[in-house]
Amino acid sequence: MDKILTSDASITLKQVYSLKENLISEFGNYNHIVVDISDDCCVDLCGLQLIESARCYATLTGKRLSLSRPAEHLRSLLNDAGFLAGGSSDAVSFWFHEEPAQ
């Protein structure tokens, strides 16, 4: 069973702690969490770090975290923050739902 977490407002420093607690709690109940980040959602570096940390946590614990849709609106922030450095196919697949180039 999947759990869908929706964030319409923002994923920024002010919300990171409560979102982290929510993610940890939901990982205790579900094997797959889908995060829905609307195009209007404000995300800062702390928000990106939270999502990336949650993705790593999920992998390490045999769970799964995914985005409900490609996060094209975050591409510039992800690039500037170095999350896309090195062209990691896992990162590209996670954030943009793109398959690695063959």
PDB file of N, CA and C in Angstrom:
ATOM      1  N   MET A   1       0.843  -1.183   0.000  1.00  0.00           N
ATOM      2  CA  MET A   1       0.000   0.000   0.000  1.00  0.00           C
ATOM      3  C   MET A   1       0.886   1.243   0.000  1.00  0.00           C
ATOM      4  N   ASP A   2       0.509   2.226  -0.769  1.00  0.00           N
ATOM      5  CA  ASP A   2       1.261   3.466  -0.874  1.00  0.00           C
ATOM      6  C   ASP A   2       0.609   4.554  -0.034  1.00  0.00           C
ATOM      7  N   LYS A   3       1.424   5.488   0.390  1.00  0.00           N
ATOM      8  CA  LYS A   3       0.933   6.666   1.089  1.00  0.00           C
ATOM      9  C   LYS A   3       1.307   7.882   0.262  1.00  0.00           C
ATOM     10  N   ILE A   4       0.382   8.744   0.031  1.00  0.00           N
ATOM     11  CA  ILE A   4       0.652   9.955  -0.732  1.00  0.00           C
ATOM     12  C   ILE A   4       0.671  11.139   0.220  1.00  0.00           C
ATOM     13  N   LEU A   5       1.801  11.838   0.245  1.00  0.00           N
ATOM     14  CA  LEU A   5       1.934  13.061   1.024  1.00  0.00           C
ATOM     15  C   LEU A   5       1.883  14.232   0.064  1.00  0.00           C
ATOM     16  N   THR A   6       1.014  15.164   0.339  1.00  0.00           N
ATOM     17  CA  THR A   6       0.854  16.313  -0.535  1.00  0.00           C
ATOM     18  C   THR A   6       1.382  17.558   0.150  1.00  0.00           C
ATOM     19  N   SER A   7       2.135  18.327  -0.601  1.00  0.00           N
ATOM     20  CA  SER A   7       2.618  19.589  -0.086  1.00  0.00           C
ATOM     21  C   SER A   7       2.246  20.684  -1.070  1.00  0.00           C
ATOM     22  N   ASP A   8       1.246  21.446  -0.715  1.00  0.00           N
ATOM     23  CA  ASP A   8       0.793  22.527  -1.586  1.00  0.00           C
ATOM     24  C   ASP A   8       1.467  23.853  -1.253  1.00  0.00           C
ATOM     25  N   ALA A   9       1.836  24.027  -0.006  1.00  0.00           N
ATOM     26  CA  ALA A   9       2.317  25.340   0.421  1.00  0.00           C
ATOM     27  C   ALA A   9       3.812  25.505   0.197  1.00  0.00           C
ATOM     28  N   SER A  10       4.588  24.855   1.013  1.00  0.00           N
ATOM     29  CA  SER A  10       6.022  25.018   0.872  1.00  0.00           C
ATOM     30  C   SER A  10       6.765  23.901   1.587  1.00  0.00           C
ATOM     31  N   ILE A  11       7.951  23.664   1.102  1.00  0.00           N
ATOM     32  CA  ILE A  11       8.877  22.736   1.758  1.00  0.00           C
ATOM     33  C   ILE A  11      10.146  23.542   1.960  1.00  0.00           C
ATOM     34  N   THR A  12      10.154  24.266   3.055  1.00  0.00           N
ATOM     35  CA  THR A  12      11.274  25.160   3.346  1.00  0.00           C
ATOM     36  C   THR A  12      11.746  24.936   4.782  1.00  0.00           C
ATOM     37  N   LEU A  13      12.748  25.671   5.150  1.00  0.00           N
ATOM     38  CA  LEU A  13      13.336  25.537   6.480  1.00  0.00           C
ATOM     39  C   LEU A  13      12.289  25.506   7.584  1.00  0.00           C
ATOM     40  N   LYS A  14      11.251  26.338   7.472  1.00  0.00           N
ATOM     41  CA  LYS A  14      10.235  26.414   8.523  1.00  0.00           C
ATOM     42  C   LYS A  14       9.434  25.123   8.677  1.00  0.00           C
ATOM     43  N   GLN A  15       9.274  24.369   7.594  1.00  0.00           N
ATOM     44  CA  GLN A  15       8.445  23.171   7.633  1.00  0.00           C
ATOM     45  C   GLN A  15       9.254  21.875   7.702  1.00  0.00           C
ATOM     46  N   VAL A  16      10.573  21.960   7.559  1.00  0.00           N
ATOM     47  CA  VAL A  16      11.387  20.745   7.442  1.00  0.00           C
ATOM     48  C   VAL A  16      11.234  19.823   8.648  1.00  0.00           C
ATOM     49  N   TYR A  17      11.251  20.347   9.838  1.00  0.00           N
ATOM     50  CA  TYR A  17      11.173  19.484  11.014  1.00  0.00           C
ATOM     51  C   TYR A  17       9.856  18.710  11.043  1.00  0.00           C
ATOM     52  N   SER A  18       8.752  19.396  10.847  1.00  0.00           N
ATOM     53  CA  SER A  18       7.455  18.696  10.904  1.00  0.00           C
ATOM     54  C   SER A  18       7.308  17.723   9.733  1.00  0.00           C
ATOM     55  N   LEU A  19       7.815  18.092   8.570  1.00  0.00           N
ATOM     56  CA  LEU A  19       7.752  17.183   7.430  1.00  0.00           C
ATOM     57  C   LEU A  19       8.622  15.947   7.672  1.00  0.00           C
ATOM     58  N   LYS A  20       9.778  16.153   8.257  1.00  0.00           N
ATOM     59  CA  LYS A  20      10.661  15.023   8.579  1.00  0.00           C
ATOM     60  C   LYS A  20       9.960  14.068   9.533  1.00  0.00           C
ATOM     61  N   GLU A  21       9.355  14.605  10.573  1.00  0.00           N
ATOM     62  CA  GLU A  21       8.636  13.766  11.535  1.00  0.00           C
ATOM     63  C   GLU A  21       7.497  13.018  10.852  1.00  0.00           C
ATOM     64  N   ASN A  22       6.806  13.688   9.958  1.00  0.00           N
ATOM     65  CA  ASN A  22       5.704  13.058   9.220  1.00  0.00           C
ATOM     66  C   ASN A  22       6.220  11.931   8.332  1.00  0.00           C
ATOM     67  N   LEU A  23       7.327  12.170   7.645  1.00  0.00           N
ATOM     68  CA  LEU A  23       7.903  11.140   6.771  1.00  0.00           C
ATOM     69  C   LEU A  23       8.353   9.927   7.587  1.00  0.00           C
ATOM     70  N   ILE A  24       9.034  10.167   8.692  1.00  0.00           N
ATOM     71  CA  ILE A  24       9.504   9.053   9.523  1.00  0.00           C
ATOM     72  C   ILE A  24       8.315   8.240  10.032  1.00  0.00           C
ATOM     73  N   SER A  25       7.290   8.927  10.469  1.00  0.00           N
ATOM     74  CA  SER A  25       6.098   8.233  10.944  1.00  0.00           C
ATOM     75  C   SER A  25       5.454   7.403   9.837  1.00  0.00           C
ATOM     76  N   GLU A  26       5.331   7.986   8.658  1.00  0.00           N
ATOM     77  CA  GLU A  26       4.686   7.269   7.551  1.00  0.00           C
ATOM     78  C   GLU A  26       5.542   6.110   7.052  1.00  0.00           C
ATOM     79  N   PHE A  27       6.857   6.233   7.107  1.00  0.00           N
ATOM     80  CA  PHE A  27       7.706   5.100   6.727  1.00  0.00           C
ATOM     81  C   PHE A  27       7.504   3.929   7.679  1.00  0.00           C
ATOM     82  N   GLY A  28       7.068   4.214   8.885  1.00  0.00           N
ATOM     83  CA  GLY A  28       6.763   3.131   9.814  1.00  0.00           C
ATOM     84  C   GLY A  28       5.487   2.379   9.454  1.00  0.00           C
ATOM     85  N   ASN A  29       4.642   3.024   8.658  1.00  0.00           N
ATOM     86  CA  ASN A  29       3.357   2.423   8.293  1.00  0.00           C
ATOM     87  C   ASN A  29       3.270   1.942   6.847  1.00  0.00           C
ATOM     88  N   TYR A  30       4.108   2.496   5.987  1.00  0.00           N
ATOM     89  CA  TYR A  30       4.014   2.198   4.551  1.00  0.00           C
ATOM     90  C   TYR A  30       5.393   1.880   3.984  1.00  0.00           C
ATOM     91  N   ASN A  31       5.403   1.045   2.947  1.00  0.00           N
ATOM     92  CA  ASN A  31       6.656   0.718   2.267  1.00  0.00           C
ATOM     93  C   ASN A  31       6.969   1.675   1.140  1.00  0.00           C
ATOM     94  N   HIS A  32       5.955   2.360   0.658  1.00  0.00           N
ATOM     95  CA  HIS A  32       6.154   3.288  -0.459  1.00  0.00           C
ATOM     96  C   HIS A  32       5.418   4.589  -0.163  1.00  0.00           C
ATOM     97  N   ILE A  33       6.162   5.661  -0.152  1.00  0.00           N
ATOM     98  CA  ILE A  33       5.568   6.980   0.045  1.00  0.00           C
ATOM     99  C   ILE A  33       5.765   7.781  -1.235  1.00  0.00           C
ATOM    100  N   VAL A  34       4.679   8.372  -1.691  1.00  0.00           N
ATOM    101  CA  VAL A  34       4.701   9.227  -2.870  1.00  0.00           C
ATOM    102  C   VAL A  34       4.525  10.659  -2.395  1.00  0.00           C
ATOM    103  N   VAL A  35       5.447  11.510  -2.762  1.00  0.00           N
ATOM    104  CA  VAL A  35       5.373  12.920  -2.384  1.00  0.00           C
ATOM    105  C   VAL A  35       4.859  13.704  -3.582  1.00  0.00           C
ATOM    106  N   ASP A  36       3.783  14.416  -3.345  1.00  0.00           N
ATOM    107  CA  ASP A  36       3.191  15.242  -4.400  1.00  0.00           C
ATOM    108  C   ASP A  36       3.569  16.696  -4.131  1.00  0.00           C
ATOM    109  N   ILE A  37       4.455  17.221  -4.956  1.00  0.00           N
ATOM    110  CA  ILE A  37       4.896  18.615  -4.832  1.00  0.00           C
ATOM    111  C   ILE A  37       4.271  19.388  -5.983  1.00  0.00           C
ATOM    112  N   SER A  38       3.351  20.259  -5.652  1.00  0.00           N
ATOM    113  CA  SER A  38       2.682  21.020  -6.706  1.00  0.00           C
ATOM    114  C   SER A  38       3.656  21.997  -7.356  1.00  0.00           C
ATOM    115  N   ASP A  39       3.336  22.414  -8.553  1.00  0.00           N
ATOM    116  CA  ASP A  39       4.182  23.374  -9.261  1.00  0.00           C
ATOM    117  C   ASP A  39       4.251  24.712  -8.537  1.00  0.00           C
ATOM    118  N   ASP A  40       3.263  24.994  -7.710  1.00  0.00           N
ATOM    119  CA  ASP A  40       3.232  26.257  -6.975  1.00  0.00           C
ATOM    120  C   ASP A  40       3.943  26.170  -5.622  1.00  0.00           C
ATOM    121  N   CYS A  41       4.352  24.984  -5.263  1.00  0.00           N
ATOM    122  CA  CYS A  41       4.985  24.774  -3.964  1.00  0.00           C
ATOM    123  C   CYS A  41       6.363  25.433  -3.938  1.00  0.00           C
ATOM    124  N   CYS A  42       6.618  26.176  -2.886  1.00  0.00           N
ATOM    125  CA  CYS A  42       7.920  26.812  -2.700  1.00  0.00           C
ATOM    126  C   CYS A  42       8.847  25.801  -2.011  1.00  0.00           C
ATOM    127  N   VAL A  43       9.975  25.549  -2.631  1.00  0.00           N
ATOM    128  CA  VAL A  43      10.948  24.598  -2.074  1.00  0.00           C
ATOM    129  C   VAL A  43      12.294  25.305  -2.001  1.00  0.00           C
ATOM    130  N   ASP A  44      12.941  25.198  -0.844  1.00  0.00           N
ATOM    131  CA  ASP A  44      14.281  25.777  -0.735  1.00  0.00           C
ATOM    132  C   ASP A  44      15.303  24.660  -0.559  1.00  0.00           C
ATOM    133  N   LEU A  45      16.540  25.022  -0.334  1.00  0.00           N
ATOM    134  CA  LEU A  45      17.608  24.035  -0.208  1.00  0.00           C
ATOM    135  C   LEU A  45      17.336  23.051   0.923  1.00  0.00           C
ATOM    136  N   CYS A  46      16.808  23.530   2.028  1.00  0.00           N
ATOM    137  CA  CYS A  46      16.487  22.631   3.146  1.00  0.00           C
ATOM    138  C   CYS A  46      15.422  21.608   2.729  1.00  0.00           C
ATOM    139  N   GLY A  47      14.465  22.056   1.933  1.00  0.00           N
ATOM    140  CA  GLY A  47      13.438  21.148   1.443  1.00  0.00           C
ATOM    141  C   GLY A  47      14.017  20.081   0.537  1.00  0.00           C
ATOM    142  N   LEU A  48      14.920  20.497  -0.357  1.00  0.00           N
ATOM    143  CA  LEU A  48      15.582  19.524  -1.238  1.00  0.00           C
ATOM    144  C   LEU A  48      16.371  18.515  -0.419  1.00  0.00           C
ATOM    145  N   GLN A  49      17.088  19.013   0.577  1.00  0.00           N
ATOM    146  CA  GLN A  49      17.888  18.120   1.414  1.00  0.00           C
ATOM    147  C   GLN A  49      17.009  17.131   2.169  1.00  0.00           C
ATOM    148  N   LEU A  50      15.857  17.592   2.640  1.00  0.00           N
ATOM    149  CA  LEU A  50      14.930  16.692   3.329  1.00  0.00           C
ATOM    150  C   LEU A  50      14.462  15.585   2.393  1.00  0.00           C
ATOM    151  N   ILE A  51      14.050  15.955   1.201  1.00  0.00           N
ATOM    152  CA  ILE A  51      13.545  14.950   0.254  1.00  0.00           C
ATOM    153  C   ILE A  51      14.651  13.979  -0.134  1.00  0.00           C
ATOM    154  N   GLU A  52      15.847  14.500  -0.391  1.00  0.00           N
ATOM    155  CA  GLU A  52      16.967  13.629  -0.753  1.00  0.00           C
ATOM    156  C   GLU A  52      17.331  12.709   0.415  1.00  0.00           C
ATOM    157  N   SER A  53      17.324  13.237   1.618  1.00  0.00           N
ATOM    158  CA  SER A  53      17.606  12.399   2.793  1.00  0.00           C
ATOM    159  C   SER A  53      16.542  11.321   2.961  1.00  0.00           C
ATOM    160  N   ALA A  54      15.301  11.680   2.741  1.00  0.00           N
ATOM    161  CA  ALA A  54      14.213  10.701   2.842  1.00  0.00           C
ATOM    162  C   ALA A  54      14.369   9.621   1.782  1.00  0.00           C
ATOM    163  N   ARG A  55      14.802  10.023   0.597  1.00  0.00           N
ATOM    164  CA  ARG A  55      15.023   9.038  -0.474  1.00  0.00           C
ATOM    165  C   ARG A  55      16.142   8.071  -0.070  1.00  0.00           C
ATOM    166  N   CYS A  56      17.236   8.584   0.473  1.00  0.00           N
ATOM    167  CA  CYS A  56      18.341   7.731   0.926  1.00  0.00           C
ATOM    168  C   CYS A  56      17.890   6.825   2.073  1.00  0.00           C
ATOM    169  N   TYR A  57      17.141   7.385   3.012  1.00  0.00           N
ATOM    170  CA  TYR A  57      16.626   6.609   4.135  1.00  0.00           C
ATOM    171  C   TYR A  57      15.752   5.462   3.633  1.00  0.00           C
ATOM    172  N   ALA A  58      14.887   5.773   2.679  1.00  0.00           N
ATOM    173  CA  ALA A  58      14.011   4.744   2.123  1.00  0.00           C
ATOM    174  C   ALA A  58      14.818   3.615   1.499  1.00  0.00           C
ATOM    175  N   THR A  59      15.828   3.977   0.731  1.00  0.00           N
ATOM    176  CA  THR A  59      16.665   2.965   0.080  1.00  0.00           C
ATOM    177  C   THR A  59      17.363   2.094   1.111  1.00  0.00           C
ATOM    178  N   LEU A  60      17.921   2.716   2.131  1.00  0.00           N
ATOM    179  CA  LEU A  60      18.661   1.972   3.156  1.00  0.00           C
ATOM    180  C   LEU A  60      17.772   1.050   3.991  1.00  0.00           C
ATOM    181  N   THR A  61      16.504   1.379   4.079  1.00  0.00           N
ATOM    182  CA  THR A  61      15.595   0.590   4.909  1.00  0.00           C
ATOM    183  C   THR A  61      14.662  -0.308   4.089  1.00  0.00           C
ATOM    184  N   GLY A  62      14.944  -0.414   2.790  1.00  0.00           N
ATOM    185  CA  GLY A  62      14.129  -1.286   1.948  1.00  0.00           C
ATOM    186  C   GLY A  62      12.774  -0.717   1.613  1.00  0.00           C
ATOM    187  N   LYS A  63      12.633   0.577   1.778  1.00  0.00           N
ATOM    188  CA  LYS A  63      11.372   1.253   1.444  1.00  0.00           C
ATOM    189  C   LYS A  63      11.574   2.031   0.148  1.00  0.00           C
ATOM    190  N   ARG A  64      10.559   2.772  -0.240  1.00  0.00           N
ATOM    191  CA  ARG A  64      10.668   3.520  -1.487  1.00  0.00           C
ATOM    192  C   ARG A  64      10.011   4.883  -1.328  1.00  0.00           C
ATOM    193  N   LEU A  65      10.662   5.886  -1.863  1.00  0.00           N
ATOM    194  CA  LEU A  65      10.110   7.243  -1.921  1.00  0.00           C
ATOM    195  C   LEU A  65      10.108   7.655  -3.377  1.00  0.00           C
ATOM    196  N   SER A  66       9.016   8.224  -3.825  1.00  0.00           N
ATOM    197  CA  SER A  66       8.959   8.713  -5.206  1.00  0.00           C
ATOM    198  C   SER A  66       8.162  10.006  -5.241  1.00  0.00           C
ATOM    199  N   LEU A  67       8.278  10.693  -6.353  1.00  0.00           N
ATOM    200  CA  LEU A  67       7.506  11.915  -6.583  1.00  0.00           C
ATOM    201  C   LEU A  67       6.326  11.572  -7.483  1.00  0.00           C
ATOM    202  N   SER A  68       5.212  12.209  -7.251  1.00  0.00           N
ATOM    203  CA  SER A  68       4.021  11.913  -8.040  1.00  0.00           C
ATOM    204  C   SER A  68       4.143  12.401  -9.476  1.00  0.00           C
ATOM    205  N   ARG A  69       5.015  13.368  -9.695  1.00  0.00           N
ATOM    206  CA  ARG A  69       5.207  13.923 -11.049  1.00  0.00           C
ATOM    207  C   ARG A  69       6.616  14.499 -11.136  1.00  0.00           C
ATOM    208  N   PRO A  70       7.098  14.655 -12.351  1.00  0.00           N
ATOM    209  CA  PRO A  70       8.438  15.237 -12.507  1.00  0.00           C
ATOM    210  C   PRO A  70       8.501  16.632 -11.878  1.00  0.00           C
ATOM    211  N   ALA A  71       9.631  16.918 -11.265  1.00  0.00           N
ATOM    212  CA  ALA A  71       9.812  18.203 -10.571  1.00  0.00           C
ATOM    213  C   ALA A  71      10.582  19.186 -11.458  1.00  0.00           C
ATOM    214  N   GLU A  72      10.067  19.387 -12.658  1.00  0.00           N
ATOM    215  CA  GLU A  72      10.739  20.292 -13.600  1.00  0.00           C
ATOM    216  C   GLU A  72      10.918  21.689 -13.017  1.00  0.00           C
ATOM    217  N   HIS A  73       9.957  22.128 -12.217  1.00  0.00           N
ATOM    218  CA  HIS A  73      10.035  23.472 -11.648  1.00  0.00           C
ATOM    219  C   HIS A  73      11.180  23.612 -10.645  1.00  0.00           C
ATOM    220  N   LEU A  74      11.765  22.478 -10.255  1.00  0.00           N
ATOM    221  CA  LEU A  74      12.880  22.512  -9.299  1.00  0.00           C
ATOM    222  C   LEU A  74      14.227  22.280  -9.970  1.00  0.00           C
ATOM    223  N   ARG A  75      14.228  22.105 -11.295  1.00  0.00           N
ATOM    224  CA  ARG A  75      15.460  21.750 -11.997  1.00  0.00           C
ATOM    225  C   ARG A  75      16.576  22.764 -11.744  1.00  0.00           C
ATOM    226  N   SER A  76      16.279  24.032 -11.829  1.00  0.00           N
ATOM    227  CA  SER A  76      17.300  25.062 -11.642  1.00  0.00           C
ATOM    228  C   SER A  76      17.859  25.010 -10.215  1.00  0.00           C
ATOM    229  N   LEU A  77      16.986  24.901  -9.236  1.00  0.00           N
ATOM    230  CA  LEU A  77      17.428  24.824  -7.838  1.00  0.00           C
ATOM    231  C   LEU A  77      18.258  23.569  -7.599  1.00  0.00           C
ATOM    232  N   LEU A  78      17.810  22.452  -8.129  1.00  0.00           N
ATOM    233  CA  LEU A  78      18.555  21.197  -7.982  1.00  0.00           C
ATOM    234  C   LEU A  78      19.933  21.306  -8.618  1.00  0.00           C
ATOM    235  N   ASN A  79      19.981  21.909  -9.783  1.00  0.00           N
ATOM    236  CA  ASN A  79      21.259  22.077 -10.481  1.00  0.00           C
ATOM    237  C   ASN A  79      22.180  23.010  -9.707  1.00  0.00           C
ATOM    238  N   ASP A  80      21.661  24.151  -9.285  1.00  0.00           N
ATOM    239  CA  ASP A  80      22.464  25.122  -8.536  1.00  0.00           C
ATOM    240  C   ASP A  80      22.974  24.540  -7.214  1.00  0.00           C
ATOM    241  N   ALA A  81      22.173  23.675  -6.597  1.00  0.00           N
ATOM    242  CA  ALA A  81      22.553  23.086  -5.310  1.00  0.00           C
ATOM    243  C   ALA A  81      23.479  21.881  -5.473  1.00  0.00           C
ATOM    244  N   GLY A  82      23.721  21.469  -6.700  1.00  0.00           N
ATOM    245  CA  GLY A  82      24.649  20.369  -6.955  1.00  0.00           C
ATOM    246  C   GLY A  82      24.032  18.984  -6.893  1.00  0.00           C
ATOM    247  N   PHE A  83      22.720  18.913  -6.775  1.00  0.00           N
ATOM    248  CA  PHE A  83      22.069  17.609  -6.705  1.00  0.00           C
ATOM    249  C   PHE A  83      22.144  16.854  -8.025  1.00  0.00           C
ATOM    250  N   LEU A  84      22.383  17.571  -9.105  1.00  0.00           N
ATOM    251  CA  LEU A  84      22.436  16.919 -10.411  1.00  0.00           C
ATOM    252  C   LEU A  84      23.858  16.788 -10.925  1.00  0.00           C
ATOM    253  N   ALA A  85      24.816  17.213 -10.114  1.00  0.00           N
ATOM    254  CA  ALA A  85      26.223  17.132 -10.523  1.00  0.00           C
ATOM    255  C   ALA A  85      26.600  15.679 -10.781  1.00  0.00           C
ATOM    256  N   GLY A  86      27.309  15.476 -11.830  1.00  0.00           N
ATOM    257  CA  GLY A  86      27.733  14.126 -12.160  1.00  0.00           C
ATOM    258  C   GLY A  86      26.696  13.335 -12.926  1.00  0.00           C
ATOM    259  N   GLY A  87      25.540  13.919 -13.115  1.00  0.00           N
ATOM    260  CA  GLY A  87      24.512  13.261 -13.930  1.00  0.00           C
ATOM    261  C   GLY A  87      24.070  11.909 -13.394  1.00  0.00           C
ATOM    262  N   SER A  88      23.966  11.789 -12.075  1.00  0.00           N
ATOM    263  CA  SER A  88      23.516  10.524 -11.484  1.00  0.00           C
ATOM    264  C   SER A  88      22.177  10.110 -12.087  1.00  0.00           C
ATOM    265  N   SER A  89      22.153   8.915 -12.649  1.00  0.00           N
ATOM    266  CA  SER A  89      20.911   8.446 -13.263  1.00  0.00           C
ATOM    267  C   SER A  89      19.817   8.239 -12.218  1.00  0.00           C
ATOM    268  N   ASP A  90      20.203   7.879 -10.992  1.00  0.00           N
ATOM    269  CA  ASP A  90      19.206   7.733  -9.925  1.00  0.00           C
ATOM    270  C   ASP A  90      18.537   9.066  -9.616  1.00  0.00           C
ATOM    271  N   ALA A  91      19.345  10.121  -9.537  1.00  0.00           N
ATOM    272  CA  ALA A  91      18.790  11.442  -9.228  1.00  0.00           C
ATOM    273  C   ALA A  91      17.890  11.927 -10.350  1.00  0.00           C
ATOM    274  N   VAL A  92      18.343  11.770 -11.571  1.00  0.00           N
ATOM    275  CA  VAL A  92      17.544  12.212 -12.716  1.00  0.00           C
ATOM    276  C   VAL A  92      16.244  11.423 -12.792  1.00  0.00           C
ATOM    277  N   SER A  93      16.334  10.134 -12.574  1.00  0.00           N
ATOM    278  CA  SER A  93      15.136   9.293 -12.605  1.00  0.00           C
ATOM    279  C   SER A  93      14.166   9.687 -11.491  1.00  0.00           C
ATOM    280  N   PHE A  94      14.692   9.936 -10.289  1.00  0.00           N
ATOM    281  CA  PHE A  94      13.841  10.298  -9.163  1.00  0.00           C
ATOM    282  C   PHE A  94      13.170  11.660  -9.366  1.00  0.00           C
ATOM    283  N   TRP A  95      13.957  12.671  -9.672  1.00  0.00           N
ATOM    284  CA  TRP A  95      13.419  14.029  -9.730  1.00  0.00           C
ATOM    285  C   TRP A  95      12.608  14.313 -10.990  1.00  0.00           C
ATOM    286  N   PHE A  96      13.008  13.708 -12.118  1.00  0.00           N
ATOM    287  CA  PHE A  96      12.368  14.076 -13.392  1.00  0.00           C
ATOM    288  C   PHE A  96      11.684  12.917 -14.100  1.00  0.00           C
ATOM    289  N   HIS A  97      11.738  11.720 -13.508  1.00  0.00           N
ATOM    290  CA  HIS A  97      11.115  10.530 -14.094  1.00  0.00           C
ATOM    291  C   HIS A  97      11.680  10.242 -15.480  1.00  0.00           C
ATOM    292  N   GLU A  98      12.929  10.594 -15.692  1.00  0.00           N
ATOM    293  CA  GLU A  98      13.586  10.351 -16.972  1.00  0.00           C
ATOM    294  C   GLU A  98      14.400   9.068 -16.871  1.00  0.00           C
ATOM    295  N   GLU A  99      14.391   8.317 -17.924  1.00  0.00           N
ATOM    296  CA  GLU A  99      15.199   7.112 -17.988  1.00  0.00           C
ATOM    297  C   GLU A  99      16.622   7.487 -18.359  1.00  0.00           C
ATOM    298  N   PRO A 100      17.603   6.772 -17.823  1.00  0.00           N
ATOM    299  CA  PRO A 100      18.992   7.072 -18.180  1.00  0.00           C
ATOM    300  C   PRO A 100      19.229   6.884 -19.676  1.00  0.00           C
ATOM    301  N   ALA A 101      20.103   7.735 -20.231  1.00  0.00           N
ATOM    302  CA  ALA A 101      20.446   7.625 -21.647  1.00  0.00           C
ATOM    303  C   ALA A 101      21.188   6.317 -21.875  1.00  0.00           C
ATOM    304  N   GLN A 102      20.864   5.638 -22.948  1.00  0.00           N
ATOM    305  CA  GLN A 102      21.523   4.371 -23.287  1.00  0.00           C
ATOM    306  C   GLN A 102      22.783   4.624 -24.073  1.00  0.00           C
TER     307      GLN A 102
END
